[in-house]
Protein backbone atom coordinates (compact mmCIF):
# COMPACT_ATOMS: atom_id res chain seq x y z
CA MET A 1 -98.67 -79.03 -81.81
CA ASP A 2 -100.42 -78.59 -78.77
CA GLN A 3 -102.72 -81.82 -78.02
CA ALA A 4 -106.18 -80.93 -77.40
CA LEU A 5 -107.62 -81.36 -73.88
CA PRO A 6 -110.60 -83.33 -72.80
CA ILE A 7 -113.16 -80.77 -71.24
CA ALA A 8 -113.69 -83.24 -68.73
CA ASP A 9 -110.18 -82.86 -67.80
CA LEU A 10 -109.80 -78.94 -67.32
CA PHE A 11 -112.74 -79.88 -64.29
CA ALA A 12 -111.44 -82.87 -63.49
CA THR A 13 -111.19 -82.92 -58.99
CA ASP A 14 -108.32 -83.34 -57.54
CA ALA A 15 -108.85 -84.51 -54.11
CA THR A 16 -105.19 -84.55 -53.04
CA ALA A 17 -104.52 -80.80 -54.03
CA GLU A 18 -107.76 -80.31 -52.27
CA ALA A 19 -106.67 -81.42 -49.05
CA ALA A 20 -103.50 -79.85 -49.22
CA ALA A 21 -104.49 -76.50 -50.88
CA PRO A 22 -105.71 -74.94 -47.04
CA ASP A 23 -102.12 -75.53 -45.63
CA GLU A 24 -100.58 -73.69 -48.87
CA ALA A 25 -98.63 -70.17 -47.93
CA ARG A 26 -96.87 -67.42 -50.02
CA ALA A 27 -94.62 -65.02 -49.04
CA PRO A 28 -96.22 -61.82 -48.27
CA GLY A 29 -96.16 -59.46 -50.81
CA TYR A 30 -93.93 -57.07 -50.71
CA LEU A 31 -93.63 -53.74 -53.19
CA THR A 32 -90.47 -53.36 -55.20
CA THR A 33 -88.59 -49.69 -54.95
CA GLU A 34 -90.11 -48.83 -58.62
CA GLU A 35 -93.94 -49.85 -57.35
CA GLN A 36 -92.93 -48.01 -53.79
CA LEU A 37 -91.84 -44.80 -56.18
CA VAL A 38 -94.95 -45.27 -59.18
CA LEU A 39 -97.41 -45.61 -55.71
CA ALA A 40 -95.93 -42.63 -54.13
CA GLY A 41 -96.17 -40.45 -57.43
CA ALA A 42 -99.87 -42.25 -57.82
CA ARG A 43 -101.15 -40.83 -54.83
CA ALA A 44 -100.03 -37.33 -55.40
CA GLY A 45 -101.91 -37.69 -58.50
CA ASN A 46 -98.96 -37.40 -60.69
CA PRO A 47 -100.23 -38.21 -64.22
CA ARG A 48 -97.36 -40.39 -65.82
CA ALA A 49 -97.56 -42.38 -62.33
CA LEU A 50 -100.85 -42.85 -62.82
CA ARG A 51 -100.61 -44.13 -65.98
CA GLN A 52 -97.43 -46.29 -65.46
CA PHE A 53 -99.85 -47.79 -62.55
CA TYR A 54 -102.50 -48.53 -64.91
CA GLU A 55 -100.56 -50.20 -67.64
CA ALA A 56 -98.64 -52.22 -65.33
CA HIS A 57 -102.29 -53.85 -64.11
CA GLN A 58 -104.97 -53.33 -66.51
CA SER A 59 -103.83 -56.81 -68.19
CA GLN A 60 -104.56 -58.49 -65.06
CA VAL A 61 -107.52 -56.90 -64.23
CA ARG A 62 -108.75 -57.14 -68.22
CA GLY A 63 -108.08 -60.87 -67.91
CA HIS A 64 -109.81 -61.99 -64.33
CA LEU A 65 -112.78 -59.79 -65.92
CA TYR A 66 -112.74 -62.28 -69.14
CA ARG A 67 -112.40 -65.30 -67.22
CA LEU A 68 -115.28 -64.14 -64.83
CA LEU A 69 -117.61 -62.22 -67.37
CA GLY A 70 -116.70 -64.10 -70.71
CA PRO A 71 -116.68 -61.92 -74.13
CA ASP A 72 -118.42 -58.99 -73.06
CA SER A 73 -118.94 -55.49 -74.52
CA GLU A 74 -118.65 -53.84 -71.43
CA ILE A 75 -115.56 -54.97 -69.94
CA ASP A 76 -113.45 -51.86 -71.14
CA ASP A 77 -115.95 -49.87 -69.01
CA ILE A 78 -115.99 -52.17 -65.98
CA VAL A 79 -111.87 -51.74 -66.00
CA GLN A 80 -111.96 -47.87 -66.10
CA THR A 81 -114.51 -48.64 -63.30
CA VAL A 82 -112.01 -50.46 -61.40
CA PHE A 83 -109.17 -48.42 -61.57
CA ALA A 84 -110.98 -45.52 -60.81
CA ARG A 85 -112.20 -47.06 -57.67
CA ALA A 86 -108.35 -48.18 -57.07
CA PHE A 87 -107.30 -44.33 -57.72
CA ALA A 88 -109.60 -43.29 -55.16
CA ALA A 89 -108.26 -45.25 -52.47
CA LEU A 90 -105.03 -45.55 -53.26
CA GLY A 91 -104.48 -43.75 -49.73
CA THR A 92 -106.07 -46.52 -47.59
CA PHE A 93 -103.59 -48.87 -49.18
CA LYS A 94 -101.13 -50.10 -47.08
CA GLY A 95 -98.45 -52.48 -48.26
CA ASN A 96 -99.58 -55.41 -46.70
CA SER A 97 -100.42 -57.43 -49.86
CA ALA A 98 -99.39 -57.46 -52.95
CA LEU A 99 -100.75 -54.89 -55.37
CA SER A 100 -102.65 -57.77 -57.48
CA THR A 101 -104.41 -58.97 -54.41
CA TRP A 102 -105.22 -55.54 -53.66
CA LEU A 103 -106.54 -55.13 -56.90
CA TYR A 104 -108.32 -58.39 -57.26
CA ARG A 105 -110.11 -57.64 -54.04
CA ILE A 106 -111.30 -54.37 -56.07
CA THR A 107 -112.32 -55.97 -59.29
CA THR A 108 -114.28 -58.49 -57.18
CA ASN A 109 -116.37 -56.21 -55.52
CA THR A 110 -117.02 -54.27 -58.50
CA THR A 111 -118.10 -57.40 -60.39
CA HIS A 112 -120.05 -58.73 -57.50
CA ASN A 113 -123.57 -57.03 -58.16
CA LEU A 114 -123.34 -57.69 -61.86
CA LEU A 115 -122.69 -61.35 -61.66
CA ARG A 116 -125.50 -61.91 -59.78
CA GLN A 117 -128.13 -59.97 -61.72
CA ARG A 118 -126.72 -61.65 -64.95
CA PHE A 119 -126.77 -65.37 -63.00
CA ARG A 120 -130.26 -64.84 -62.53
CA ARG A 121 -131.45 -63.08 -65.81
CA ASN A 122 -129.61 -65.66 -67.97
CA ARG A 123 -130.29 -68.66 -65.81
CA VAL A 124 -133.40 -70.10 -67.74
CA LYS A 125 -131.76 -68.53 -70.77
CA SER A 126 -128.77 -70.28 -71.19
CA ALA A 127 -130.15 -73.61 -69.75
CA PHE A 128 -132.73 -73.81 -72.24
CA GLN A 129 -129.79 -73.03 -75.02
CA TRP A 130 -127.69 -75.56 -73.84
CA TRP A 131 -130.26 -78.48 -74.48
CA THR A 132 -131.61 -77.10 -77.40
CA ASP A 133 -128.11 -76.59 -79.06
CA GLY A 134 -127.17 -80.05 -77.90
CA ARG A 135 -124.50 -80.34 -75.80
CA ASP A 136 -122.14 -83.05 -78.17
CA ALA A 137 -122.34 -80.29 -80.67
CA HIS A 138 -120.18 -78.05 -78.59
CA LEU A 139 -117.40 -80.72 -77.98
CA GLN A 140 -114.65 -80.20 -80.21
CA THR A 141 -111.52 -81.88 -80.25
CA GLY A 142 -109.65 -78.47 -81.11
CA ARG A 143 -107.63 -76.69 -78.41
CA VAL A 144 -109.63 -73.39 -78.95
CA ASP A 145 -112.92 -75.06 -79.04
CA VAL A 146 -112.43 -77.01 -75.59
CA ARG A 147 -111.37 -73.78 -74.37
CA GLY A 148 -114.62 -72.10 -75.84
CA GLU A 149 -116.47 -74.83 -74.26
CA ALA A 150 -115.36 -74.57 -70.81
CA GLU A 151 -115.65 -70.57 -70.63
CA ARG A 152 -119.23 -71.56 -71.54
CA LEU A 153 -119.27 -73.87 -68.42
CA LEU A 154 -117.99 -71.33 -66.04
CA GLN A 155 -120.87 -68.80 -66.94
CA ARG A 156 -123.33 -71.43 -65.83
CA LEU A 157 -121.60 -71.78 -62.60
CA ALA A 158 -123.37 -69.63 -59.50
CA PRO A 159 -121.21 -66.23 -59.31
CA ASP A 160 -119.91 -67.27 -55.59
CA LEU A 161 -118.38 -70.62 -57.11
CA ARG A 162 -117.26 -69.37 -60.17
CA GLU A 163 -115.24 -66.19 -58.32
CA VAL A 164 -113.53 -68.99 -56.64
CA PHE A 165 -112.60 -71.77 -59.10
CA VAL A 166 -111.39 -68.62 -61.49
CA PHE A 167 -109.10 -67.22 -58.68
CA TYR A 168 -108.20 -71.19 -58.10
CA HIS A 169 -107.67 -72.67 -61.00
CA TYR A 170 -107.14 -69.82 -63.64
CA GLU A 171 -104.83 -67.35 -61.57
CA GLY A 172 -103.40 -69.85 -59.46
CA LEU A 173 -103.65 -68.29 -56.09
CA THR A 174 -103.94 -70.39 -53.14
CA LEU A 175 -107.22 -70.70 -50.68
CA GLN A 176 -105.70 -68.29 -48.09
CA GLU A 177 -105.24 -65.36 -50.83
CA ILE A 178 -108.46 -66.00 -52.04
CA SER A 179 -109.77 -66.09 -48.48
CA GLN A 180 -108.03 -62.70 -47.83
CA ILE A 181 -109.69 -60.94 -51.42
CA LEU A 182 -113.18 -62.24 -50.63
CA ASP A 183 -112.80 -61.70 -47.00
CA LYS A 184 -114.69 -65.02 -46.49
CA PRO A 185 -112.98 -68.46 -43.88
CA VAL A 186 -110.83 -70.62 -45.69
CA SER A 187 -112.75 -73.16 -45.30
CA THR A 188 -115.80 -71.48 -47.02
CA VAL A 189 -113.19 -71.17 -49.62
CA GLY A 190 -112.54 -74.93 -50.38
CA ASP A 191 -116.35 -75.91 -49.91
CA ARG A 192 -117.15 -73.51 -52.62
CA LEU A 193 -114.56 -74.79 -54.78
CA THR A 194 -115.49 -77.83 -54.06
CA ARG A 195 -118.65 -77.62 -55.07
CA ALA A 196 -117.67 -75.47 -58.57
CA ARG A 197 -115.60 -78.45 -59.05
CA LYS A 198 -118.76 -80.76 -58.49
CA ARG A 199 -120.91 -78.52 -60.41
CA LEU A 200 -118.38 -78.31 -63.52
CA HIS A 201 -118.14 -82.23 -63.56
CA ASP A 202 -121.80 -82.69 -63.67
CA LEU A 203 -122.50 -80.08 -66.58
CA VAL A 204 -120.07 -81.72 -68.60
CA ASN A 205 -120.89 -85.30 -68.18
CA GLY A 206 -124.75 -83.85 -68.94
CA GLU A 207 -126.11 -84.51 -65.21
CA ALA A 208 -126.99 -80.54 -64.80
């Protein structure tokens, strides 16, 4: 049986990883022959190729949206919006990055304003519920409860910090890759990751 992880461990600051991350680099993403064929068909508007493209990448987009937004009744609609924009922009994709990176960028652009609107609207409400419900009541020992608490804590991060934290710790991207997706300097991405970890650490320890 899996042993539950303490909430604090999920958001622990890793100074060593932080120092090394800017120098990380993955090999450039190249399309496989199959991906090239599907992409060519999708660009031509072939329904089967469009369906293959969607089925190959929808779980990535849906999972990323869930980590950004939490359980949300609008996720299905947002997934459709992301792919509608991706299909419309297929002609601009030059193959100089992985398709996943390109889709992350479209997903980020699609959700950016929505995240900010919700964050402003729910800031006071979520803070009130956090204290009236009692922080300790949420700290369960089961893995599912721990993950649920982690998701609730992520929703309390400012959108720009949440994006970077999710990309780095959940999607496993490097700071350089995140920099390309967000079109921000690596130093800015690293600073946001540090601030996200610090904010989550404070929330876990009741220092909000």
